[in-house]
Amino acid sequence: MALSNAELLKKAIFTSDDLGDATEAPLSVEQVKVFLRLAITPQVMLPEVRNVFSKAAKWEESKIDFSNRIMRPGTQGERLSSANRVKPGTDKVEISTTLIRGEVPISDEALEDQVEQAGFANTLTAMIADAVGRDVEELLVNGDTTSGTPYLALFDGWIELATDANGYDATADGQDYQEVMKTLLLSVDDKYKRDTANMRFYVPMRLMELYRDILSARGTPLGDLHLEGSRDLMYQGYKLVGVPLMAVSGNASDILFTHRQNLYAGWQRAIRLESFRDPREGGTSFCVTARVDAKIGHTVDDATAYAVADAYSVDVAP
């Protein structure tokens, strides 16, 4: 039997088949996993980067790698001398999450007019989770403590963290994006480029569209494929990823080149998903609370490259 409007108001986000029986408290571990899956999966960068989780608001993620040669000439029956033994490189990434909150009020009338009845709970939960994931990705990408937007000023995101990396002002190159990408490619240490399949050029959608249009101007079958958008854009075997939430300021467009797992998205697991019924306002507010952080893993100055390119602004007549 379909739930009544009163029951929907009371239970909407707590009767979802995906989340199970949530309570007005931090979600359980399993509920958090489901909520984060619903939040992360539809986004562009979040499913690709290294998502790390902890019960604490602050913690350290350990890193270990072998950047240099470990093999040496061997002698049968003898171990290597101490000078020829190689220890792995170790380091830590400090995650310090920041509190963010969202509140979505829904009027009684809007709820009464919806036609999904019992299925509304699942729809609402998925929509809230998707919106949370979208807003978190925007903060992780564009966060800047000097921003005039309070939300984006909470902490520095991946773009701002990368401004100290190998980078340059490429606006003078115009729309010669291949020259820009070549410069970024050459500025990253070769040891980080062995995993070609997971290296990324992250660019705003406007630049992605411009570059695809430039390539499509070639009178070849490959040019037609780029125009149709039926294949990934690549540069020397490295994939370009268009990020809708990557900001474009005027004609200035950021380009970030790095290994996708070098970007960290930190989540505290104590996510809250609650509802509050206020009959005086004639509606219910659905509230989400989370703590997140953005970090770049390996030393920025040789594993990540950054540029500001020209993303030509086209004025479209109304």
C-alpha atoms as a PDB file:
ATOM      1  CA  MET A   1       0.000   0.000   0.000  1.00  0.00           C
ATOM      2  CA  ALA A   2       1.301   3.483  -0.856  1.00  0.00           C
ATOM      3  CA  LEU A   3       2.588   5.639   1.953  1.00  0.00           C
ATOM      4  CA  SER A   4       0.503   8.613   2.988  1.00  0.00           C
ATOM      5  CA  ASN A   5       1.891  12.126   2.632  1.00  0.00           C
ATOM      6  CA  ALA A   6       2.338  12.305   6.398  1.00  0.00           C
ATOM      7  CA  GLU A   7       4.355   9.077   6.360  1.00  0.00           C
ATOM      8  CA  LEU A   8       6.444  10.332   3.447  1.00  0.00           C
ATOM      9  CA  LEU A   9       7.160  13.557   5.310  1.00  0.00           C
ATOM     10  CA  LYS A  10       8.308  11.626   8.350  1.00  0.00           C
ATOM     11  CA  LYS A  11      10.261   8.868   6.655  1.00  0.00           C
ATOM     12  CA  ALA A  12      11.245  10.143   3.209  1.00  0.00           C
ATOM     13  CA  ILE A  13      15.012   9.845   3.445  1.00  0.00           C
ATOM     14  CA  PHE A  14      14.998   7.030   5.937  1.00  0.00           C
ATOM     15  CA  THR A  15      12.977   4.418   4.028  1.00  0.00           C
ATOM     16  CA  SER A  16      15.157   4.291   0.924  1.00  0.00           C
ATOM     17  CA  ASP A  17      15.847   0.768  -0.236  1.00  0.00           C
ATOM     18  CA  ASP A  18      19.470   1.796  -0.757  1.00  0.00           C
ATOM     19  CA  LEU A  19      20.078   3.317   2.668  1.00  0.00           C
ATOM     20  CA  GLY A  20      18.036   0.913   4.743  1.00  0.00           C
ATOM     21  CA  ASP A  21      16.792   2.017   8.160  1.00  0.00           C
ATOM     22  CA  ALA A  22      18.780   5.176   8.745  1.00  0.00           C
ATOM     23  CA  THR A  23      18.435   7.067  12.005  1.00  0.00           C
ATOM     24  CA  GLU A  24      18.659  10.729  12.891  1.00  0.00           C
ATOM     25  CA  ALA A  25      22.352  10.358  13.693  1.00  0.00           C
ATOM     26  CA  PRO A  26      25.559   9.640  11.791  1.00  0.00           C
ATOM     27  CA  LEU A  27      24.810   7.001   9.187  1.00  0.00           C
ATOM     28  CA  SER A  28      26.101   3.498   9.780  1.00  0.00           C
ATOM     29  CA  VAL A  29      29.214   2.347   7.924  1.00  0.00           C
ATOM     30  CA  GLU A  30      27.121   0.545   5.306  1.00  0.00           C
ATOM     31  CA  GLN A  31      24.753   3.477   4.888  1.00  0.00           C
ATOM     32  CA  VAL A  32      27.705   5.842   4.447  1.00  0.00           C
ATOM     33  CA  LYS A  33      29.139   3.575   1.751  1.00  0.00           C
ATOM     34  CA  VAL A  34      25.864   3.640  -0.132  1.00  0.00           C
ATOM     35  CA  PHE A  35      25.457   7.405   0.272  1.00  0.00           C
ATOM     36  CA  LEU A  36      29.009   8.040  -0.927  1.00  0.00           C
ATOM     37  CA  ARG A  37      28.514   5.715  -3.889  1.00  0.00           C
ATOM     38  CA  LEU A  38      25.401   7.661  -4.850  1.00  0.00           C
ATOM     39  CA  ALA A  39      27.319  10.938  -4.393  1.00  0.00           C
ATOM     40  CA  ILE A  40      30.595  10.011  -6.110  1.00  0.00           C
ATOM     41  CA  THR A  41      29.557   7.847  -9.067  1.00  0.00           C
ATOM     42  CA  PRO A  42      27.724  10.472 -11.200  1.00  0.00           C
ATOM     43  CA  GLN A  43      30.533  13.047 -10.960  1.00  0.00           C
ATOM     44  CA  VAL A  44      33.496  13.498 -13.333  1.00  0.00           C
ATOM     45  CA  MET A  45      36.624  13.673 -11.175  1.00  0.00           C
ATOM     46  CA  LEU A  46      35.470  12.084  -7.917  1.00  0.00           C
ATOM     47  CA  PRO A  47      35.164   8.546  -9.362  1.00  0.00           C
ATOM     48  CA  GLU A  48      38.720   8.833 -10.755  1.00  0.00           C
ATOM     49  CA  VAL A  49      40.680  10.360  -7.883  1.00  0.00           C
ATOM     50  CA  ARG A  50      41.882   8.692  -4.693  1.00  0.00           C
ATOM     51  CA  ASN A  51      38.969   8.823  -2.224  1.00  0.00           C
ATOM     52  CA  VAL A  52      40.129   8.238   1.363  1.00  0.00           C
ATOM     53  CA  PHE A  53      37.981   7.872   4.468  1.00  0.00           C
ATOM     54  CA  SER A  54      38.336   8.033   8.238  1.00  0.00           C
ATOM     55  CA  LYS A  55      36.203   8.267  11.354  1.00  0.00           C
ATOM     56  CA  ALA A  56      38.391  11.174  12.484  1.00  0.00           C
ATOM     57  CA  ALA A  57      38.236  14.747  11.216  1.00  0.00           C
ATOM     58  CA  LYS A  58      42.035  14.788  10.796  1.00  0.00           C
ATOM     59  CA  TRP A  59      44.327  11.918   9.873  1.00  0.00           C
ATOM     60  CA  GLU A  60      47.409  10.974   7.853  1.00  0.00           C
ATOM     61  CA  GLU A  61      47.481   8.825   4.738  1.00  0.00           C
ATOM     62  CA  SER A  62      50.746   6.934   4.314  1.00  0.00           C
ATOM     63  CA  LYS A  63      52.561   6.846   0.976  1.00  0.00           C
ATOM     64  CA  ILE A  64      55.248   4.434  -0.140  1.00  0.00           C
ATOM     65  CA  ASP A  65      57.065   4.164  -3.467  1.00  0.00           C
ATOM     66  CA  PHE A  66      60.292   3.125  -5.155  1.00  0.00           C
ATOM     67  CA  SER A  67      61.243   6.143  -7.222  1.00  0.00           C
ATOM     68  CA  ASN A  68      64.833   5.058  -7.893  1.00  0.00           C
ATOM     69  CA  ARG A  69      66.501   1.873  -9.130  1.00  0.00           C
ATOM     70  CA  ILE A  70      66.523  -0.991  -6.622  1.00  0.00           C
ATOM     71  CA  MET A  71      68.443  -3.595  -8.647  1.00  0.00           C
ATOM     72  CA  ARG A  72      72.238  -3.905  -8.422  1.00  0.00           C
ATOM     73  CA  PRO A  73      74.887  -6.306  -9.817  1.00  0.00           C
ATOM     74  CA  GLY A  74      74.736  -9.562  -7.858  1.00  0.00           C
ATOM     75  CA  THR A  75      77.299 -12.111  -6.719  1.00  0.00           C
ATOM     76  CA  GLN A  76      76.210 -15.709  -6.206  1.00  0.00           C
ATOM     77  CA  GLY A  77      75.974 -16.655  -2.536  1.00  0.00           C
ATOM     78  CA  GLU A  78      76.468 -13.091  -1.281  1.00  0.00           C
ATOM     79  CA  ARG A  79      74.018 -10.501  -0.131  1.00  0.00           C
ATOM     80  CA  LEU A  80      74.237  -6.919  -1.287  1.00  0.00           C
ATOM     81  CA  SER A  81      76.290  -4.490   0.733  1.00  0.00           C
ATOM     82  CA  SER A  82      74.430  -2.033   2.926  1.00  0.00           C
ATOM     83  CA  ALA A  83      75.245   0.753   0.470  1.00  0.00           C
ATOM     84  CA  ASN A  84      73.423  -1.122  -2.298  1.00  0.00           C
ATOM     85  CA  ARG A  85      70.277  -1.916  -0.337  1.00  0.00           C
ATOM     86  CA  VAL A  86      67.375   0.380  -1.153  1.00  0.00           C
ATOM     87  CA  LYS A  87      64.653   1.471   1.213  1.00  0.00           C
ATOM     88  CA  PRO A  88      61.284   2.549  -0.171  1.00  0.00           C
ATOM     89  CA  GLY A  89      60.429   6.208  -0.064  1.00  0.00           C
ATOM     90  CA  THR A  90      57.820   6.950   2.573  1.00  0.00           C
ATOM     91  CA  ASP A  91      55.789  10.033   3.288  1.00  0.00           C
ATOM     92  CA  LYS A  92      52.396  11.089   4.585  1.00  0.00           C
ATOM     93  CA  VAL A  93      49.505  13.129   3.260  1.00  0.00           C
ATOM     94  CA  GLU A  94      47.754  15.018   6.037  1.00  0.00           C
ATOM     95  CA  ILE A  95      43.983  15.165   5.601  1.00  0.00           C
ATOM     96  CA  SER A  96      42.224  17.869   7.624  1.00  0.00           C
ATOM     97  CA  THR A  97      38.540  17.915   6.776  1.00  0.00           C
ATOM     98  CA  THR A  98      36.268  20.961   6.842  1.00  0.00           C
ATOM     99  CA  LEU A  99      32.597  20.977   7.790  1.00  0.00           C
ATOM    100  CA  ILE A 100      29.981  21.575   5.074  1.00  0.00           C
ATOM    101  CA  ARG A 101      26.211  21.514   5.437  1.00  0.00           C
ATOM    102  CA  GLY A 102      23.183  21.498   3.181  1.00  0.00           C
ATOM    103  CA  GLU A 103      19.512  22.058   3.931  1.00  0.00           C
ATOM    104  CA  VAL A 104      16.696  21.324   1.482  1.00  0.00           C
ATOM    105  CA  PRO A 105      13.225  22.510   2.550  1.00  0.00           C
ATOM    106  CA  ILE A 106      10.266  20.838   0.824  1.00  0.00           C
ATOM    107  CA  SER A 107       6.764  22.264   1.269  1.00  0.00           C
ATOM    108  CA  ASP A 108       3.739  20.145   2.052  1.00  0.00           C
ATOM    109  CA  GLU A 109       2.186  21.208  -1.231  1.00  0.00           C
ATOM    110  CA  ALA A 110       5.193  20.073  -3.273  1.00  0.00           C
ATOM    111  CA  LEU A 111       5.105  16.737  -1.517  1.00  0.00           C
ATOM    112  CA  GLU A 112       1.366  16.355  -2.019  1.00  0.00           C
ATOM    113  CA  ASP A 113       1.734  17.029  -5.740  1.00  0.00           C
ATOM    114  CA  GLN A 114       4.434  14.414  -6.336  1.00  0.00           C
ATOM    115  CA  VAL A 115       3.199  11.281  -8.102  1.00  0.00           C
ATOM    116  CA  GLU A 116       5.812   8.703  -7.123  1.00  0.00           C
ATOM    117  CA  GLN A 117       4.264   7.941  -3.742  1.00  0.00           C
ATOM    118  CA  ALA A 118       6.410   5.266  -2.024  1.00  0.00           C
ATOM    119  CA  GLY A 119       9.127   5.570  -4.672  1.00  0.00           C
ATOM    120  CA  PHE A 120       9.644   9.216  -3.752  1.00  0.00           C
ATOM    121  CA  ALA A 121      11.961   8.233  -0.874  1.00  0.00           C
ATOM    122  CA  ASN A 122      14.459   6.578  -3.192  1.00  0.00           C
ATOM    123  CA  THR A 123      14.290   9.427  -5.706  1.00  0.00           C
ATOM    124  CA  LEU A 124      14.825  12.083  -3.048  1.00  0.00           C
ATOM    125  CA  THR A 125      17.727  10.236  -1.451  1.00  0.00           C
ATOM    126  CA  ALA A 126      19.492   9.742  -4.778  1.00  0.00           C
ATOM    127  CA  MET A 127      18.937  13.380  -5.790  1.00  0.00           C
ATOM    128  CA  ILE A 128      20.315  14.710  -2.489  1.00  0.00           C
ATOM    129  CA  ALA A 129      23.350  12.425  -2.692  1.00  0.00           C
ATOM    130  CA  ASP A 130      24.029  13.450  -6.304  1.00  0.00           C
ATOM    131  CA  ALA A 131      23.775  17.149  -5.390  1.00  0.00           C
ATOM    132  CA  VAL A 132      26.151  16.655  -2.450  1.00  0.00           C
ATOM    133  CA  GLY A 133      28.664  14.920  -4.724  1.00  0.00           C
ATOM    134  CA  ARG A 134      28.413  17.721  -7.298  1.00  0.00           C
ATOM    135  CA  ASP A 135      28.968  20.443  -4.704  1.00  0.00           C
ATOM    136  CA  VAL A 136      31.846  18.568  -3.062  1.00  0.00           C
ATOM    137  CA  GLU A 137      33.563  18.114  -6.429  1.00  0.00           C
ATOM    138  CA  GLU A 138      33.195  21.841  -7.103  1.00  0.00           C
ATOM    139  CA  LEU A 139      34.877  22.646  -3.774  1.00  0.00           C
ATOM    140  CA  LEU A 140      37.659  20.091  -4.256  1.00  0.00           C
ATOM    141  CA  VAL A 141      38.391  21.456  -7.739  1.00  0.00           C
ATOM    142  CA  ASN A 142      37.907  25.216  -7.310  1.00  0.00           C
ATOM    143  CA  GLY A 143      38.454  25.788  -3.585  1.00  0.00           C
ATOM    144  CA  ASP A 144      40.505  28.927  -2.932  1.00  0.00           C
ATOM    145  CA  THR A 145      40.854  30.590   0.470  1.00  0.00           C
ATOM    146  CA  THR A 146      41.040  33.979  -1.275  1.00  0.00           C
ATOM    147  CA  SER A 147      37.748  33.433  -3.123  1.00  0.00           C
ATOM    148  CA  GLY A 148      34.946  35.946  -2.677  1.00  0.00           C
ATOM    149  CA  THR A 149      32.499  33.021  -2.512  1.00  0.00           C
ATOM    150  CA  PRO A 150      32.317  31.816   1.135  1.00  0.00           C
ATOM    151  CA  TYR A 151      31.773  28.181   0.178  1.00  0.00           C
ATOM    152  CA  LEU A 152      34.779  28.059  -2.173  1.00  0.00           C
ATOM    153  CA  ALA A 153      36.907  29.931   0.400  1.00  0.00           C
ATOM    154  CA  LEU A 154      36.704  27.050   2.906  1.00  0.00           C
ATOM    155  CA  PHE A 155      40.047  25.573   1.739  1.00  0.00           C
ATOM    156  CA  ASP A 156      42.344  25.347  -1.274  1.00  0.00           C
ATOM    157  CA  GLY A 157      41.273  22.782  -3.858  1.00  0.00           C
ATOM    158  CA  TRP A 158      43.344  20.830  -6.371  1.00  0.00           C
ATOM    159  CA  ILE A 159      43.738  23.719  -8.823  1.00  0.00           C
ATOM    160  CA  GLU A 160      44.944  26.162  -6.182  1.00  0.00           C
ATOM    161  CA  LEU A 161      47.204  23.525  -4.599  1.00  0.00           C
ATOM    162  CA  ALA A 162      48.754  22.948  -8.020  1.00  0.00           C
ATOM    163  CA  THR A 163      49.574  26.610  -8.669  1.00  0.00           C
ATOM    164  CA  ASP A 164      52.949  26.050  -6.972  1.00  0.00           C
ATOM    165  CA  ALA A 165      53.687  23.206  -9.388  1.00  0.00           C
ATOM    166  CA  ASN A 166      55.450  23.198 -12.745  1.00  0.00           C
ATOM    167  CA  GLY A 167      53.221  25.619 -14.559  1.00  0.00           C
ATOM    168  CA  TYR A 168      53.044  28.744 -16.588  1.00  0.00           C
ATOM    169  CA  ASP A 169      50.753  31.389 -18.027  1.00  0.00           C
ATOM    170  CA  ALA A 170      49.876  29.990 -21.446  1.00  0.00           C
ATOM    171  CA  THR A 171      47.310  32.621 -22.413  1.00  0.00           C
ATOM    172  CA  ALA A 172      49.842  34.082 -24.862  1.00  0.00           C
ATOM    173  CA  ASP A 173      49.734  30.776 -26.761  1.00  0.00           C
ATOM    174  CA  GLY A 174      46.139  31.494 -27.757  1.00  0.00           C
ATOM    175  CA  GLN A 175      44.324  28.326 -28.757  1.00  0.00           C
ATOM    176  CA  ASP A 176      47.459  26.371 -29.538  1.00  0.00           C
ATOM    177  CA  TYR A 177      46.439  23.807 -26.934  1.00  0.00           C
ATOM    178  CA  GLN A 178      48.842  21.187 -28.229  1.00  0.00           C
ATOM    179  CA  GLU A 179      51.745  23.513 -27.378  1.00  0.00           C
ATOM    180  CA  VAL A 180      50.290  24.043 -23.892  1.00  0.00           C
ATOM    181  CA  MET A 181      49.876  20.318 -23.278  1.00  0.00           C
ATOM    182  CA  LYS A 182      53.330  19.563 -24.635  1.00  0.00           C
ATOM    183  CA  THR A 183      54.849  22.009 -22.164  1.00  0.00           C
ATOM    184  CA  LEU A 184      52.934  20.450 -19.270  1.00  0.00           C
ATOM    185  CA  LEU A 185      53.864  16.954 -20.404  1.00  0.00           C
ATOM    186  CA  LEU A 186      57.566  17.769 -20.536  1.00  0.00           C
ATOM    187  CA  SER A 187      57.533  19.453 -17.127  1.00  0.00           C
ATOM    188  CA  VAL A 188      56.415  16.308 -15.272  1.00  0.00           C
ATOM    189  CA  ASP A 189      59.145  13.865 -14.252  1.00  0.00           C
ATOM    190  CA  ASP A 190      59.201  10.795 -16.524  1.00  0.00           C
ATOM    191  CA  LYS A 191      58.930   8.385 -13.578  1.00  0.00           C
ATOM    192  CA  TYR A 192      55.366   9.606 -12.979  1.00  0.00           C
ATOM    193  CA  LYS A 193      54.360   9.114 -16.604  1.00  0.00           C
ATOM    194  CA  ARG A 194      54.939   5.370 -16.850  1.00  0.00           C
ATOM    195  CA  ASP A 195      51.278   4.678 -16.107  1.00  0.00           C
ATOM    196  CA  THR A 196      50.049   6.443 -19.237  1.00  0.00           C
ATOM    197  CA  ALA A 197      46.514   5.081 -18.949  1.00  0.00           C
ATOM    198  CA  ASN A 198      45.951   6.863 -15.626  1.00  0.00           C
ATOM    199  CA  MET A 199      47.555  10.218 -16.411  1.00  0.00           C
ATOM    200  CA  ARG A 200      45.028  12.957 -17.095  1.00  0.00           C
ATOM    201  CA  PHE A 201      44.724  16.414 -18.580  1.00  0.00           C
ATOM    202  CA  TYR A 202      41.823  17.895 -16.595  1.00  0.00           C
ATOM    203  CA  VAL A 203      40.318  20.842 -18.467  1.00  0.00           C
ATOM    204  CA  PRO A 204      37.094  22.917 -18.357  1.00  0.00           C
ATOM    205  CA  MET A 205      34.342  21.856 -20.731  1.00  0.00           C
ATOM    206  CA  ARG A 206      34.732  25.056 -22.762  1.00  0.00           C
ATOM    207  CA  LEU A 207      38.351  24.269 -23.560  1.00  0.00           C
ATOM    208  CA  MET A 208      37.447  20.649 -24.279  1.00  0.00           C
ATOM    209  CA  GLU A 209      34.813  21.771 -26.773  1.00  0.00           C
ATOM    210  CA  LEU A 210      37.155  24.260 -28.418  1.00  0.00           C
ATOM    211  CA  TYR A 211      39.924  21.683 -28.776  1.00  0.00           C
ATOM    212  CA  ARG A 212      37.528  19.106 -30.215  1.00  0.00           C
ATOM    213  CA  ASP A 213      36.292  21.687 -32.728  1.00  0.00           C
ATOM    214  CA  ILE A 214      39.881  22.552 -33.720  1.00  0.00           C
ATOM    215  CA  LEU A 215      40.688  18.882 -34.327  1.00  0.00           C
ATOM    216  CA  SER A 216      37.452  18.359 -36.236  1.00  0.00           C
ATOM    217  CA  ALA A 217      38.522  21.001 -38.779  1.00  0.00           C
ATOM    218  CA  ARG A 218      40.980  18.480 -40.196  1.00  0.00           C
ATOM    219  CA  GLY A 219      39.619  17.014 -43.430  1.00  0.00           C
ATOM    220  CA  THR A 220      40.097  13.411 -42.326  1.00  0.00           C
ATOM    221  CA  PRO A 221      37.900  10.626 -40.921  1.00  0.00           C
ATOM    222  CA  LEU A 222      39.595  11.239 -37.561  1.00  0.00           C
ATOM    223  CA  GLY A 223      38.449  14.864 -37.695  1.00  0.00           C
ATOM    224  CA  ASP A 224      34.854  13.714 -38.226  1.00  0.00           C
ATOM    225  CA  LEU A 225      35.076  11.422 -35.203  1.00  0.00           C
ATOM    226  CA  HIS A 226      36.247  14.320 -33.032  1.00  0.00           C
ATOM    227  CA  LEU A 227      33.359  16.465 -34.247  1.00  0.00           C
ATOM    228  CA  GLU A 228      30.871  13.722 -33.425  1.00  0.00           C
ATOM    229  CA  GLY A 229      32.410  13.312 -29.976  1.00  0.00           C
ATOM    230  CA  SER A 230      32.397   9.552 -30.482  1.00  0.00           C
ATOM    231  CA  ARG A 231      35.924   9.008 -29.140  1.00  0.00           C
ATOM    232  CA  ASP A 232      37.992  10.238 -26.209  1.00  0.00           C
ATOM    233  CA  LEU A 233      40.284  13.182 -26.783  1.00  0.00           C
ATOM    234  CA  MET A 234      43.930  12.181 -26.379  1.00  0.00           C
ATOM    235  CA  TYR A 235      47.268  13.946 -26.566  1.00  0.00           C
ATOM    236  CA  GLN A 236      50.310  11.693 -27.053  1.00  0.00           C
ATOM    237  CA  GLY A 237      48.411   8.842 -25.437  1.00  0.00           C
ATOM    238  CA  TYR A 238      47.213  10.855 -22.427  1.00  0.00           C
ATOM    239  CA  LYS A 239      43.499  11.351 -21.946  1.00  0.00           C
ATOM    240  CA  LEU A 240      41.768  14.740 -21.761  1.00  0.00           C
ATOM    241  CA  VAL A 241      38.893  14.897 -19.291  1.00  0.00           C
ATOM    242  CA  GLY A 242      36.378  17.737 -19.520  1.00  0.00           C
ATOM    243  CA  VAL A 243      35.275  18.873 -16.051  1.00  0.00           C
ATOM    244  CA  PRO A 244      32.013  20.865 -16.104  1.00  0.00           C
ATOM    245  CA  LEU A 245      32.675  22.361 -12.659  1.00  0.00           C
ATOM    246  CA  MET A 246      36.214  23.548 -13.429  1.00  0.00           C
ATOM    247  CA  ALA A 247      35.953  27.319 -13.376  1.00  0.00           C
ATOM    248  CA  VAL A 248      36.660  29.591 -16.340  1.00  0.00           C
ATOM    249  CA  SER A 249      37.383  33.205 -15.443  1.00  0.00           C
ATOM    250  CA  GLY A 250      36.767  35.409 -18.470  1.00  0.00           C
ATOM    251  CA  ASN A 251      38.949  33.824 -21.133  1.00  0.00           C
ATOM    252  CA  ALA A 252      41.341  32.204 -18.627  1.00  0.00           C
ATOM    253  CA  SER A 253      41.089  28.446 -18.315  1.00  0.00           C
ATOM    254  CA  ASP A 254      42.979  26.134 -15.930  1.00  0.00           C
ATOM    255  CA  ILE A 255      44.620  22.932 -17.166  1.00  0.00           C
ATOM    256  CA  LEU A 256      45.839  20.324 -14.676  1.00  0.00           C
ATOM    257  CA  PHE A 257      48.087  17.420 -15.692  1.00  0.00           C
ATOM    258  CA  THR A 258      48.756  14.662 -13.187  1.00  0.00           C
ATOM    259  CA  HIS A 259      48.117  11.021 -12.319  1.00  0.00           C
ATOM    260  CA  ARG A 260      44.482  10.728 -11.345  1.00  0.00           C
ATOM    261  CA  GLN A 261      45.348   8.886  -8.106  1.00  0.00           C
ATOM    262  CA  ASN A 262      47.686  11.717  -7.111  1.00  0.00           C
ATOM    263  CA  LEU A 263      44.604  13.769  -6.252  1.00  0.00           C
ATOM    264  CA  TYR A 264      43.118  13.000  -2.828  1.00  0.00           C
ATOM    265  CA  ALA A 265      39.493  13.507  -1.783  1.00  0.00           C
ATOM    266  CA  GLY A 266      39.248  13.126   1.990  1.00  0.00           C
ATOM    267  CA  TRP A 267      35.923  12.204   3.604  1.00  0.00           C
ATOM    268  CA  GLN A 268      35.104  11.871   7.279  1.00  0.00           C
ATOM    269  CA  ARG A 269      32.734   8.936   7.628  1.00  0.00           C
ATOM    270  CA  ALA A 270      30.475  10.664  10.202  1.00  0.00           C
ATOM    271  CA  ILE A 271      27.998  11.839   7.558  1.00  0.00           C
ATOM    272  CA  ARG A 272      24.594  12.910   8.820  1.00  0.00           C
ATOM    273  CA  LEU A 273      21.376  12.710   6.822  1.00  0.00           C
ATOM    274  CA  GLU A 274      18.436  14.034   8.814  1.00  0.00           C
ATOM    275  CA  SER A 275      14.942  15.483   8.422  1.00  0.00           C
ATOM    276  CA  PHE A 276      13.197  18.147  10.463  1.00  0.00           C
ATOM    277  CA  ARG A 277       9.442  18.691  10.317  1.00  0.00           C
ATOM    278  CA  ASP A 278       8.228  22.243  11.088  1.00  0.00           C
ATOM    279  CA  PRO A 279       4.411  22.556  10.879  1.00  0.00           C
ATOM    280  CA  ARG A 280       4.681  26.335  11.284  1.00  0.00           C
ATOM    281  CA  GLU A 281       6.385  26.532   7.899  1.00  0.00           C
ATOM    282  CA  GLY A 282       4.262  23.805   6.392  1.00  0.00           C
ATOM    283  CA  GLY A 283       7.124  21.634   5.270  1.00  0.00           C
ATOM    284  CA  THR A 284      10.114  19.450   6.068  1.00  0.00           C
ATOM    285  CA  SER A 285      13.809  20.270   5.779  1.00  0.00           C
ATOM    286  CA  PHE A 286      16.251  17.551   4.756  1.00  0.00           C
ATOM    287  CA  CYS A 287      19.732  18.238   6.132  1.00  0.00           C
ATOM    288  CA  VAL A 288      23.112  16.795   5.139  1.00  0.00           C
ATOM    289  CA  THR A 289      26.339  17.302   7.104  1.00  0.00           C
ATOM    290  CA  ALA A 290      29.771  16.155   5.955  1.00  0.00           C
ATOM    291  CA  ARG A 291      33.486  16.917   6.360  1.00  0.00           C
ATOM    292  CA  VAL A 292      35.786  16.932   3.304  1.00  0.00           C
ATOM    293  CA  ASP A 293      39.289  17.952   2.210  1.00  0.00           C
ATOM    294  CA  ALA A 294      41.408  18.114  -0.956  1.00  0.00           C
ATOM    295  CA  LYS A 295      45.091  17.263  -1.172  1.00  0.00           C
ATOM    296  CA  ILE A 296      47.717  16.466  -3.807  1.00  0.00           C
ATOM    297  CA  GLY A 297      49.791  13.401  -2.953  1.00  0.00           C
ATOM    298  CA  HIS A 298      53.273  13.183  -4.435  1.00  0.00           C
ATOM    299  CA  THR A 299      55.500  16.232  -4.417  1.00  0.00           C
ATOM    300  CA  VAL A 300      53.696  18.806  -6.461  1.00  0.00           C
ATOM    301  CA  ASP A 301      56.789  20.226  -8.123  1.00  0.00           C
ATOM    302  CA  ASP A 302      57.579  17.174 -10.258  1.00  0.00           C
ATOM    303  CA  ALA A 303      54.435  15.029 -10.335  1.00  0.00           C
ATOM    304  CA  THR A 304      51.885  17.676 -11.264  1.00  0.00           C
ATOM    305  CA  ALA A 305      51.842  20.409 -13.901  1.00  0.00           C
ATOM    306  CA  TYR A 306      49.495  23.351 -14.194  1.00  0.00           C
ATOM    307  CA  ALA A 307      48.804  26.069 -16.735  1.00  0.00           C
ATOM    308  CA  VAL A 308      46.416  28.926 -17.367  1.00  0.00           C
ATOM    309  CA  ALA A 309      45.330  28.773 -20.999  1.00  0.00           C
ATOM    310  CA  ASP A 310      43.159  30.885 -23.286  1.00  0.00           C
ATOM    311  CA  ALA A 311      39.602  29.576 -23.402  1.00  0.00           C
ATOM    312  CA  TYR A 312      38.122  31.907 -25.999  1.00  0.00           C
ATOM    313  CA  SER A 313      34.776  33.293 -24.868  1.00  0.00           C
ATOM    314  CA  VAL A 314      32.066  33.285 -27.510  1.00  0.00           C
ATOM    315  CA  ASP A 315      29.252  35.816 -27.100  1.00  0.00           C
ATOM    316  CA  VAL A 316      25.987  34.255 -28.188  1.00  0.00           C
ATOM    317  CA  ALA A 317      23.249  36.626 -29.276  1.00  0.00           C
ATOM    318  CA  PRO A 318      19.905  36.162 -27.513  1.00  0.00           C
END
